[in-house]
């Protein structure tokens, strides 16, 4: 059962969450050892493969993010969950923080509050990664696979900056999900479409 103030996750959100979990994890892991395709001296083919696969999985991730935003646009309870900036949804943030201080986790599902706020910030962060990544992708292919011009530094800097936020979000999200799952295993139903 869900808490009295939460709604179950829509099936479409469960599928999109699964794809995002896999794709974003791959993106974060691949960036640890990849090297740009225009860097040749002393660089292994595997590191170039990671770069190329990072670009293509990034495009796939961006498509999933766009689909997620379409679902958000059509689902008012999901919007209220992800962006709990008003009414009862906002008041739940305070309630959730007080509960967390006493070791009480909020119920699973869509209800706004602190989990919704964090989920919404995560969606914004990966959206920024996706946008800057797509811009870099287009610039790389427009340059014929060689290092793009000086303008490339702008989306690259934004992508790198947001990557740090996404890493922090990824670790925090997994840690909180595991802690929550130890007390309430039904939280993992987000992975069962």
N, C-alpha and C. Protein backbone atom coordinates (compact mmCIF):
# COMPACT_ATOMS: atom_id res chain seq x y z
N UNK A 1 0.82 -1.20 0.00
CA UNK A 1 0.00 0.00 0.00
C UNK A 1 0.86 1.25 0.00
N UNK A 2 0.34 2.27 -0.58
CA UNK A 2 0.98 3.58 -0.57
C UNK A 2 0.47 4.35 0.62
N UNK A 3 1.23 5.38 0.98
CA UNK A 3 0.76 6.25 2.05
C UNK A 3 -0.54 6.90 1.64
N UNK A 4 -1.31 7.36 2.60
CA UNK A 4 -2.63 7.92 2.31
C UNK A 4 -2.53 9.17 1.45
N UNK A 5 -1.36 9.79 1.42
CA UNK A 5 -1.23 11.02 0.65
C UNK A 5 -0.36 10.84 -0.59
N UNK A 6 -0.15 9.60 -1.05
CA UNK A 6 0.67 9.38 -2.24
C UNK A 6 -0.09 8.58 -3.28
N UNK A 7 0.32 8.76 -4.54
CA UNK A 7 -0.28 8.06 -5.67
C UNK A 7 0.74 7.08 -6.24
N UNK A 8 0.29 5.97 -6.82
CA UNK A 8 1.24 5.04 -7.44
C UNK A 8 1.89 5.66 -8.69
N UNK A 9 3.07 5.17 -9.02
CA UNK A 9 3.77 5.65 -10.22
C UNK A 9 3.06 5.14 -11.46
N UNK A 10 2.84 6.01 -12.46
CA UNK A 10 2.29 5.54 -13.74
C UNK A 10 3.28 4.58 -14.41
N UNK A 11 2.75 3.65 -15.15
CA UNK A 11 3.59 2.65 -15.84
C UNK A 11 4.62 3.32 -16.76
N UNK A 12 4.21 4.36 -17.46
CA UNK A 12 5.14 5.06 -18.36
C UNK A 12 6.32 5.65 -17.60
N UNK A 13 6.06 6.18 -16.41
CA UNK A 13 7.13 6.75 -15.60
C UNK A 13 8.08 5.66 -15.13
N UNK A 14 7.54 4.50 -14.80
CA UNK A 14 8.40 3.38 -14.38
C UNK A 14 9.36 2.99 -15.50
N UNK A 15 8.85 2.86 -16.73
CA UNK A 15 9.70 2.50 -17.86
C UNK A 15 10.74 3.58 -18.12
N UNK A 16 10.32 4.82 -18.13
CA UNK A 16 11.27 5.91 -18.38
C UNK A 16 12.33 5.98 -17.28
N UNK A 17 11.93 5.72 -16.04
CA UNK A 17 12.88 5.72 -14.93
C UNK A 17 13.91 4.62 -15.11
N UNK A 18 13.48 3.44 -15.56
CA UNK A 18 14.41 2.34 -15.80
C UNK A 18 15.42 2.72 -16.88
N UNK A 19 14.94 3.26 -18.00
CA UNK A 19 15.84 3.67 -19.07
C UNK A 19 16.81 4.75 -18.59
N UNK A 20 16.30 5.73 -17.86
CA UNK A 20 17.18 6.79 -17.35
C UNK A 20 18.22 6.24 -16.38
N UNK A 21 17.81 5.33 -15.51
CA UNK A 21 18.75 4.75 -14.55
C UNK A 21 19.90 4.06 -15.28
N UNK A 22 19.58 3.29 -16.31
CA UNK A 22 20.62 2.58 -17.06
C UNK A 22 21.47 3.55 -17.88
N UNK A 23 20.82 4.43 -18.63
CA UNK A 23 21.56 5.34 -19.52
C UNK A 23 22.42 6.34 -18.73
N UNK A 24 21.87 6.94 -17.69
CA UNK A 24 22.63 7.94 -16.94
C UNK A 24 23.79 7.26 -16.21
N UNK A 25 23.57 6.07 -15.71
CA UNK A 25 24.67 5.33 -15.07
C UNK A 25 25.78 5.06 -16.08
N UNK A 26 25.41 4.62 -17.29
CA UNK A 26 26.42 4.40 -18.32
C UNK A 26 27.15 5.70 -18.65
N UNK A 27 26.41 6.78 -18.78
CA UNK A 27 27.03 8.06 -19.11
C UNK A 27 28.07 8.46 -18.05
N UNK A 28 27.70 8.33 -16.81
CA UNK A 28 28.62 8.71 -15.73
C UNK A 28 29.84 7.80 -15.71
N UNK A 29 29.65 6.51 -15.87
CA UNK A 29 30.78 5.58 -15.83
C UNK A 29 31.68 5.72 -17.05
N UNK A 30 31.10 5.91 -18.21
CA UNK A 30 31.92 6.01 -19.43
C UNK A 30 32.78 7.27 -19.43
N UNK A 31 32.28 8.34 -18.83
CA UNK A 31 33.05 9.58 -18.86
C UNK A 31 34.29 9.52 -17.98
N UNK A 32 34.38 8.51 -17.13
CA UNK A 32 35.54 8.41 -16.24
C UNK A 32 36.84 8.11 -16.99
N UNK A 33 36.75 7.43 -18.15
CA UNK A 33 37.98 7.05 -18.84
C UNK A 33 37.96 7.33 -20.34
N UNK A 34 36.99 8.08 -20.83
CA UNK A 34 36.92 8.32 -22.27
C UNK A 34 37.87 9.45 -22.67
N UNK A 35 38.24 9.44 -23.93
CA UNK A 35 39.05 10.52 -24.50
C UNK A 35 38.43 10.90 -25.82
N UNK A 36 38.44 12.18 -26.11
CA UNK A 36 37.82 12.69 -27.34
C UNK A 36 38.44 12.04 -28.57
N UNK A 37 37.63 11.86 -29.59
CA UNK A 37 38.08 11.17 -30.80
C UNK A 37 39.17 11.95 -31.53
N UNK A 38 39.32 13.24 -31.27
CA UNK A 38 40.36 14.01 -31.94
C UNK A 38 41.70 13.96 -31.18
N UNK A 39 41.73 13.29 -30.03
CA UNK A 39 42.98 13.09 -29.29
C UNK A 39 43.54 11.74 -29.71
N UNK A 40 44.69 11.73 -30.36
CA UNK A 40 45.21 10.50 -30.94
C UNK A 40 46.46 9.96 -30.26
N UNK A 41 47.34 10.80 -29.83
CA UNK A 41 48.65 10.35 -29.36
C UNK A 41 48.53 9.58 -28.04
N UNK A 42 48.93 8.31 -28.07
CA UNK A 42 48.96 7.50 -26.87
C UNK A 42 47.60 7.15 -26.28
N UNK A 43 46.52 7.27 -27.03
CA UNK A 43 45.18 7.00 -26.53
C UNK A 43 44.69 5.68 -27.11
N UNK A 44 44.19 4.80 -26.26
CA UNK A 44 43.71 3.50 -26.72
C UNK A 44 42.39 3.63 -27.49
N UNK A 45 42.16 2.65 -28.36
CA UNK A 45 40.92 2.61 -29.13
C UNK A 45 39.71 2.49 -28.20
N UNK A 46 39.89 1.79 -27.08
CA UNK A 46 38.79 1.62 -26.13
C UNK A 46 38.33 2.97 -25.57
N UNK A 47 39.29 3.84 -25.27
CA UNK A 47 38.93 5.17 -24.74
C UNK A 47 38.17 5.99 -25.79
N UNK A 48 38.51 5.81 -27.07
CA UNK A 48 37.76 6.48 -28.14
C UNK A 48 36.37 5.86 -28.28
N UNK A 49 36.30 4.53 -28.14
CA UNK A 49 35.00 3.85 -28.17
C UNK A 49 34.10 4.40 -27.06
N UNK A 50 34.65 4.58 -25.86
CA UNK A 50 33.86 5.14 -24.76
C UNK A 50 33.32 6.52 -25.12
N UNK A 51 34.15 7.33 -25.77
CA UNK A 51 33.72 8.67 -26.16
C UNK A 51 32.57 8.61 -27.16
N UNK A 52 32.75 7.79 -28.19
CA UNK A 52 31.71 7.68 -29.23
C UNK A 52 30.43 7.08 -28.65
N UNK A 53 30.56 6.03 -27.84
CA UNK A 53 29.36 5.44 -27.23
C UNK A 53 28.71 6.42 -26.26
N UNK A 54 29.51 7.23 -25.56
CA UNK A 54 28.98 8.25 -24.65
C UNK A 54 28.12 9.24 -25.44
N UNK A 55 28.59 9.61 -26.62
CA UNK A 55 27.81 10.55 -27.44
C UNK A 55 26.48 9.93 -27.86
N UNK A 56 26.51 8.69 -28.34
CA UNK A 56 25.28 8.07 -28.84
C UNK A 56 24.31 7.69 -27.72
N UNK A 57 24.84 7.20 -26.61
CA UNK A 57 23.96 6.92 -25.47
C UNK A 57 23.42 8.24 -24.92
N UNK A 58 24.21 9.30 -25.03
CA UNK A 58 23.73 10.63 -24.64
C UNK A 58 22.54 11.08 -25.47
N UNK A 59 22.60 10.81 -26.77
CA UNK A 59 21.45 11.14 -27.64
C UNK A 59 20.24 10.32 -27.22
N UNK A 60 20.44 9.02 -26.97
CA UNK A 60 19.33 8.16 -26.51
C UNK A 60 18.79 8.68 -25.17
N UNK A 61 19.68 9.08 -24.28
CA UNK A 61 19.25 9.63 -22.99
C UNK A 61 18.42 10.89 -23.18
N UNK A 62 18.86 11.73 -24.10
CA UNK A 62 18.13 12.98 -24.36
C UNK A 62 16.73 12.71 -24.90
N UNK A 63 16.59 11.68 -25.71
CA UNK A 63 15.27 11.30 -26.22
C UNK A 63 14.39 10.84 -25.06
N UNK A 64 14.94 10.02 -24.16
CA UNK A 64 14.17 9.54 -23.00
C UNK A 64 13.80 10.73 -22.10
N UNK A 65 14.72 11.65 -21.92
CA UNK A 65 14.42 12.85 -21.10
C UNK A 65 13.28 13.65 -21.74
N UNK A 66 13.33 13.81 -23.06
CA UNK A 66 12.26 14.55 -23.75
C UNK A 66 10.92 13.82 -23.57
N UNK A 67 10.93 12.49 -23.69
CA UNK A 67 9.71 11.72 -23.47
C UNK A 67 9.21 11.88 -22.03
N UNK A 68 10.15 11.91 -21.07
CA UNK A 68 9.78 12.10 -19.67
C UNK A 68 9.08 13.45 -19.51
N UNK A 69 9.63 14.50 -20.13
CA UNK A 69 9.00 15.82 -20.04
C UNK A 69 7.60 15.82 -20.67
N UNK A 70 7.40 15.05 -21.74
CA UNK A 70 6.06 14.95 -22.34
C UNK A 70 5.09 14.32 -21.35
N UNK A 71 5.54 13.28 -20.65
CA UNK A 71 4.68 12.63 -19.64
C UNK A 71 4.39 13.62 -18.51
N UNK A 72 5.41 14.37 -18.09
CA UNK A 72 5.23 15.38 -17.03
C UNK A 72 4.20 16.42 -17.46
N UNK A 73 4.29 16.86 -18.72
CA UNK A 73 3.37 17.89 -19.22
C UNK A 73 1.92 17.42 -19.22
N UNK A 74 1.71 16.11 -19.39
CA UNK A 74 0.36 15.58 -19.49
C UNK A 74 -0.19 15.01 -18.18
N UNK A 75 0.62 15.05 -17.10
CA UNK A 75 0.22 14.40 -15.86
C UNK A 75 0.34 15.38 -14.69
N UNK A 76 -0.77 15.98 -14.30
CA UNK A 76 -0.76 16.98 -13.22
C UNK A 76 -0.23 16.44 -11.89
N UNK A 77 -0.62 15.23 -11.45
CA UNK A 77 -0.05 14.73 -10.20
C UNK A 77 1.46 14.54 -10.26
N UNK A 78 1.97 14.13 -11.42
CA UNK A 78 3.42 13.98 -11.58
C UNK A 78 4.11 15.34 -11.52
N UNK A 79 3.51 16.35 -12.16
CA UNK A 79 4.07 17.72 -12.08
C UNK A 79 4.09 18.20 -10.64
N UNK A 80 3.01 17.95 -9.91
CA UNK A 80 2.94 18.38 -8.50
C UNK A 80 3.99 17.64 -7.67
N UNK A 81 4.26 16.37 -8.01
CA UNK A 81 5.27 15.61 -7.29
C UNK A 81 6.66 16.19 -7.55
N UNK A 82 6.98 16.41 -8.82
CA UNK A 82 8.33 16.85 -9.19
C UNK A 82 8.62 18.31 -8.84
N UNK A 83 7.60 19.11 -8.80
CA UNK A 83 7.78 20.54 -8.54
C UNK A 83 6.80 20.98 -7.45
N UNK A 84 7.05 20.52 -6.21
CA UNK A 84 6.12 20.76 -5.10
C UNK A 84 6.30 22.14 -4.47
N UNK A 85 6.07 23.16 -5.25
CA UNK A 85 6.37 24.52 -4.80
C UNK A 85 5.13 25.26 -4.28
N UNK A 86 4.03 24.56 -4.08
CA UNK A 86 2.82 25.25 -3.62
C UNK A 86 1.95 24.31 -2.78
N UNK A 87 1.13 24.89 -1.98
CA UNK A 87 0.10 24.17 -1.23
C UNK A 87 0.59 23.02 -0.38
N UNK A 88 -0.22 21.98 -0.35
CA UNK A 88 0.07 20.82 0.49
C UNK A 88 1.36 20.14 0.06
N UNK A 89 1.69 20.19 -1.24
CA UNK A 89 2.91 19.55 -1.72
C UNK A 89 4.14 20.20 -1.10
N UNK A 90 4.10 21.52 -1.00
CA UNK A 90 5.22 22.25 -0.39
C UNK A 90 5.28 21.99 1.11
N UNK A 91 4.13 21.97 1.77
CA UNK A 91 4.13 21.75 3.23
C UNK A 91 4.68 20.36 3.58
N UNK A 92 4.57 19.43 2.65
CA UNK A 92 5.10 18.09 2.89
C UNK A 92 6.63 18.09 2.95
N UNK A 93 7.27 19.06 2.31
CA UNK A 93 8.74 19.15 2.37
C UNK A 93 9.17 19.33 3.82
N UNK A 94 8.53 20.26 4.51
CA UNK A 94 8.86 20.51 5.92
C UNK A 94 8.57 19.26 6.75
N UNK A 95 7.41 18.65 6.51
CA UNK A 95 7.04 17.42 7.22
C UNK A 95 8.06 16.31 6.99
N UNK A 96 8.52 16.18 5.74
CA UNK A 96 9.48 15.13 5.40
C UNK A 96 10.84 15.38 6.04
N UNK A 97 11.26 16.63 6.10
CA UNK A 97 12.55 16.96 6.74
C UNK A 97 12.48 16.66 8.23
N UNK A 98 11.38 17.03 8.86
CA UNK A 98 11.21 16.72 10.30
C UNK A 98 11.18 15.21 10.53
N UNK A 99 10.48 14.49 9.65
CA UNK A 99 10.42 13.04 9.78
C UNK A 99 11.79 12.39 9.58
N UNK A 100 12.53 12.88 8.58
CA UNK A 100 13.86 12.32 8.31
C UNK A 100 14.79 12.52 9.50
N UNK A 101 14.65 13.64 10.19
CA UNK A 101 15.47 13.91 11.37
C UNK A 101 15.20 12.88 12.48
N UNK A 102 14.01 12.28 12.44
CA UNK A 102 13.65 11.24 13.43
C UNK A 102 13.74 9.84 12.85
N UNK A 103 14.29 9.71 11.64
CA UNK A 103 14.45 8.40 11.02
C UNK A 103 13.20 7.88 10.36
N UNK A 104 12.25 8.75 10.05
CA UNK A 104 11.00 8.35 9.41
C UNK A 104 11.05 8.77 7.94
N UNK A 105 10.88 7.80 7.05
CA UNK A 105 10.90 8.09 5.63
C UNK A 105 9.49 8.33 5.10
N UNK A 106 9.35 9.19 4.09
CA UNK A 106 8.03 9.41 3.50
C UNK A 106 7.57 8.17 2.74
N UNK A 107 6.26 8.05 2.51
CA UNK A 107 5.76 6.87 1.78
C UNK A 107 6.22 6.88 0.33
N UNK A 108 6.19 5.70 -0.28
CA UNK A 108 6.55 5.57 -1.69
C UNK A 108 5.46 6.19 -2.55
N UNK A 109 5.82 6.50 -3.78
CA UNK A 109 4.84 7.01 -4.73
C UNK A 109 4.92 8.51 -4.91
N UNK A 110 3.97 9.02 -5.70
CA UNK A 110 3.93 10.44 -6.03
C UNK A 110 3.14 11.19 -4.96
N UNK A 111 3.79 12.11 -4.29
CA UNK A 111 3.12 12.90 -3.26
C UNK A 111 3.76 14.26 -3.05
N UNK A 112 4.74 14.60 -3.87
CA UNK A 112 5.45 15.86 -3.66
C UNK A 112 6.40 15.71 -2.50
N UNK A 113 6.51 16.74 -1.70
CA UNK A 113 7.39 16.67 -0.54
C UNK A 113 8.85 16.65 -0.93
N UNK A 114 9.68 16.25 0.03
CA UNK A 114 11.13 16.24 -0.19
C UNK A 114 11.56 15.30 -1.31
N UNK A 115 11.05 14.06 -1.37
CA UNK A 115 11.45 13.20 -2.49
C UNK A 115 11.08 13.80 -3.85
N UNK A 116 9.90 14.39 -3.94
CA UNK A 116 9.50 15.01 -5.20
C UNK A 116 10.40 16.18 -5.58
N UNK A 117 10.74 17.00 -4.59
CA UNK A 117 11.63 18.13 -4.83
C UNK A 117 12.97 17.64 -5.36
N UNK A 118 13.51 16.60 -4.73
CA UNK A 118 14.80 16.05 -5.15
C UNK A 118 14.68 15.42 -6.54
N UNK A 119 13.60 14.68 -6.80
CA UNK A 119 13.39 14.09 -8.13
C UNK A 119 13.31 15.18 -9.20
N UNK A 120 12.59 16.24 -8.91
CA UNK A 120 12.46 17.34 -9.86
C UNK A 120 13.80 18.02 -10.15
N UNK A 121 14.61 18.22 -9.10
CA UNK A 121 15.94 18.82 -9.30
C UNK A 121 16.82 17.88 -10.13
N UNK A 122 16.69 16.58 -9.90
CA UNK A 122 17.44 15.61 -10.70
C UNK A 122 17.04 15.66 -12.17
N UNK A 123 15.74 15.77 -12.43
CA UNK A 123 15.26 15.86 -13.81
C UNK A 123 15.79 17.13 -14.48
N UNK A 124 15.81 18.23 -13.74
CA UNK A 124 16.36 19.47 -14.30
C UNK A 124 17.85 19.32 -14.60
N UNK A 125 18.59 18.68 -13.69
CA UNK A 125 20.03 18.51 -13.89
C UNK A 125 20.33 17.64 -15.11
N UNK A 126 19.64 16.49 -15.23
CA UNK A 126 19.92 15.64 -16.39
C UNK A 126 19.42 16.29 -17.68
N UNK A 127 18.41 17.14 -17.58
CA UNK A 127 17.94 17.87 -18.77
C UNK A 127 19.01 18.85 -19.24
N UNK A 128 19.65 19.53 -18.30
CA UNK A 128 20.74 20.45 -18.66
C UNK A 128 21.91 19.68 -19.27
N UNK A 129 22.19 18.50 -18.72
CA UNK A 129 23.24 17.65 -19.29
C UNK A 129 22.87 17.26 -20.72
N UNK A 130 21.62 16.86 -20.90
CA UNK A 130 21.17 16.44 -22.23
C UNK A 130 21.25 17.56 -23.25
N UNK A 131 20.81 18.75 -22.88
CA UNK A 131 20.83 19.88 -23.81
C UNK A 131 22.26 20.24 -24.19
N UNK A 132 23.13 20.38 -23.19
CA UNK A 132 24.52 20.74 -23.49
C UNK A 132 25.20 19.61 -24.27
N UNK A 133 24.88 18.36 -23.95
CA UNK A 133 25.45 17.23 -24.68
C UNK A 133 25.02 17.19 -26.13
N UNK A 134 23.75 17.46 -26.39
CA UNK A 134 23.27 17.47 -27.78
C UNK A 134 23.96 18.59 -28.56
N UNK A 135 24.12 19.75 -27.94
CA UNK A 135 24.82 20.86 -28.61
C UNK A 135 26.25 20.44 -28.95
N UNK A 136 26.94 19.80 -28.00
CA UNK A 136 28.30 19.34 -28.27
C UNK A 136 28.33 18.29 -29.37
N UNK A 137 27.37 17.37 -29.35
CA UNK A 137 27.27 16.32 -30.37
C UNK A 137 27.16 16.95 -31.75
N UNK A 138 26.25 17.91 -31.89
CA UNK A 138 26.05 18.58 -33.18
C UNK A 138 27.33 19.30 -33.61
N UNK A 139 27.99 19.97 -32.67
CA UNK A 139 29.22 20.70 -33.00
C UNK A 139 30.34 19.75 -33.44
N UNK A 140 30.45 18.60 -32.78
CA UNK A 140 31.49 17.62 -33.13
C UNK A 140 31.26 17.08 -34.53
N UNK A 141 30.01 16.69 -34.82
CA UNK A 141 29.74 16.14 -36.14
C UNK A 141 29.76 17.20 -37.23
N UNK A 142 29.41 18.43 -36.90
CA UNK A 142 29.51 19.51 -37.87
C UNK A 142 30.97 19.80 -38.21
N UNK A 143 31.86 19.56 -37.25
CA UNK A 143 33.30 19.77 -37.48
C UNK A 143 33.95 18.55 -38.12
N UNK A 144 33.18 17.52 -38.44
CA UNK A 144 33.72 16.33 -39.09
C UNK A 144 34.48 15.41 -38.16
N UNK A 145 34.16 15.46 -36.86
CA UNK A 145 34.80 14.56 -35.91
C UNK A 145 36.12 15.07 -35.35
N UNK A 146 36.52 16.26 -35.79
CA UNK A 146 37.72 16.88 -35.20
C UNK A 146 37.27 17.86 -34.13
N UNK A 147 38.23 18.38 -33.38
CA UNK A 147 37.85 19.30 -32.30
C UNK A 147 37.14 20.52 -32.87
N UNK A 148 35.93 20.80 -32.38
CA UNK A 148 35.20 21.98 -32.86
C UNK A 148 35.91 23.28 -32.47
N UNK A 149 35.42 24.37 -32.99
CA UNK A 149 36.01 25.67 -32.72
C UNK A 149 35.87 26.11 -31.27
N UNK A 150 36.26 27.34 -31.03
CA UNK A 150 36.28 27.89 -29.67
C UNK A 150 34.91 27.91 -28.99
N UNK A 151 33.84 28.02 -29.77
CA UNK A 151 32.49 28.07 -29.20
C UNK A 151 32.15 26.77 -28.47
N UNK A 152 32.84 25.69 -28.81
CA UNK A 152 32.62 24.39 -28.16
C UNK A 152 32.88 24.46 -26.67
N UNK A 153 33.75 25.37 -26.25
CA UNK A 153 34.10 25.49 -24.83
C UNK A 153 32.89 25.85 -23.96
N UNK A 154 31.92 26.55 -24.52
CA UNK A 154 30.76 26.99 -23.72
C UNK A 154 29.88 25.80 -23.33
N UNK A 155 29.36 25.00 -24.30
CA UNK A 155 28.55 23.85 -23.86
C UNK A 155 29.39 22.82 -23.10
N UNK A 156 30.67 22.70 -23.43
CA UNK A 156 31.53 21.75 -22.73
C UNK A 156 31.67 22.14 -21.25
N UNK A 157 31.85 23.43 -20.99
CA UNK A 157 31.96 23.90 -19.59
C UNK A 157 30.65 23.67 -18.85
N UNK A 158 29.52 23.95 -19.50
CA UNK A 158 28.22 23.73 -18.86
C UNK A 158 28.01 22.24 -18.59
N UNK A 159 28.36 21.40 -19.55
CA UNK A 159 28.21 19.95 -19.42
C UNK A 159 29.06 19.44 -18.25
N UNK A 160 30.29 19.91 -18.16
CA UNK A 160 31.19 19.48 -17.09
C UNK A 160 30.70 19.95 -15.72
N UNK A 161 30.21 21.17 -15.66
CA UNK A 161 29.70 21.71 -14.39
C UNK A 161 28.49 20.91 -13.91
N UNK A 162 27.55 20.68 -14.80
CA UNK A 162 26.34 19.95 -14.42
C UNK A 162 26.66 18.49 -14.13
N UNK A 163 27.71 17.94 -14.77
CA UNK A 163 28.10 16.56 -14.51
C UNK A 163 28.41 16.36 -13.03
N UNK A 164 29.03 17.34 -12.39
CA UNK A 164 29.32 17.24 -10.96
C UNK A 164 28.04 17.16 -10.15
N UNK A 165 27.04 17.94 -10.53
CA UNK A 165 25.74 17.89 -9.85
C UNK A 165 25.06 16.54 -10.06
N UNK A 166 25.15 16.02 -11.28
CA UNK A 166 24.52 14.74 -11.58
C UNK A 166 25.22 13.61 -10.82
N UNK A 167 26.54 13.67 -10.70
CA UNK A 167 27.25 12.68 -9.88
C UNK A 167 26.75 12.72 -8.44
N UNK A 168 26.66 13.91 -7.87
CA UNK A 168 26.18 14.04 -6.49
C UNK A 168 24.76 13.51 -6.37
N UNK A 169 23.92 13.85 -7.34
CA UNK A 169 22.54 13.37 -7.34
C UNK A 169 22.50 11.85 -7.45
N UNK A 170 23.30 11.28 -8.35
CA UNK A 170 23.33 9.83 -8.57
C UNK A 170 23.68 9.10 -7.28
N UNK A 171 24.77 9.51 -6.62
CA UNK A 171 25.16 8.86 -5.36
C UNK A 171 24.10 9.05 -4.29
N UNK A 172 23.59 10.26 -4.14
CA UNK A 172 22.58 10.53 -3.12
C UNK A 172 21.29 9.78 -3.38
N UNK A 173 20.87 9.71 -4.63
CA UNK A 173 19.63 9.04 -5.00
C UNK A 173 19.73 7.54 -4.70
N UNK A 174 20.85 6.94 -5.08
CA UNK A 174 21.03 5.51 -4.81
C UNK A 174 21.10 5.26 -3.31
N UNK A 175 21.86 6.07 -2.59
CA UNK A 175 21.99 5.88 -1.14
C UNK A 175 20.64 5.99 -0.44
N UNK A 176 19.87 7.01 -0.78
CA UNK A 176 18.56 7.19 -0.13
C UNK A 176 17.59 6.08 -0.53
N UNK A 177 17.63 5.66 -1.79
CA UNK A 177 16.75 4.56 -2.22
C UNK A 177 17.08 3.27 -1.47
N UNK A 178 18.37 3.00 -1.28
CA UNK A 178 18.76 1.79 -0.55
C UNK A 178 18.35 1.87 0.92
N UNK A 179 18.58 3.03 1.54
CA UNK A 179 18.15 3.21 2.93
C UNK A 179 16.64 3.03 3.06
N UNK A 180 15.93 3.63 2.14
CA UNK A 180 14.47 3.55 2.14
C UNK A 180 14.02 2.11 1.91
N UNK A 181 14.70 1.42 0.97
CA UNK A 181 14.32 0.04 0.64
C UNK A 181 14.55 -0.90 1.81
N UNK A 182 15.54 -0.60 2.65
CA UNK A 182 15.78 -1.47 3.81
C UNK A 182 14.62 -1.41 4.79
N UNK A 183 13.94 -0.27 4.83
CA UNK A 183 12.78 -0.13 5.73
C UNK A 183 11.47 -0.44 5.02
N UNK A 184 11.39 -0.07 3.75
CA UNK A 184 10.16 -0.24 3.00
C UNK A 184 10.51 -0.78 1.61
N UNK A 185 10.63 -2.10 1.44
CA UNK A 185 11.04 -2.67 0.15
C UNK A 185 10.14 -2.27 -1.02
N UNK A 186 8.91 -1.88 -0.75
CA UNK A 186 8.00 -1.54 -1.86
C UNK A 186 8.46 -0.30 -2.63
N UNK A 187 9.42 0.45 -2.06
CA UNK A 187 9.94 1.62 -2.79
C UNK A 187 10.55 1.20 -4.13
N UNK A 188 11.04 -0.04 -4.20
CA UNK A 188 11.69 -0.52 -5.42
C UNK A 188 10.69 -0.89 -6.51
N UNK A 189 9.40 -0.74 -6.23
CA UNK A 189 8.39 -1.03 -7.25
C UNK A 189 8.50 -0.08 -8.45
N UNK A 190 9.25 1.00 -8.31
CA UNK A 190 9.48 1.90 -9.44
C UNK A 190 10.17 1.16 -10.58
N UNK A 191 10.86 0.03 -10.25
CA UNK A 191 11.55 -0.75 -11.26
C UNK A 191 10.72 -1.92 -11.79
N UNK A 192 9.47 -2.01 -11.39
CA UNK A 192 8.59 -3.08 -11.87
C UNK A 192 7.44 -2.46 -12.68
N UNK A 193 7.63 -2.40 -14.01
CA UNK A 193 6.56 -1.81 -14.84
C UNK A 193 5.38 -2.70 -14.86
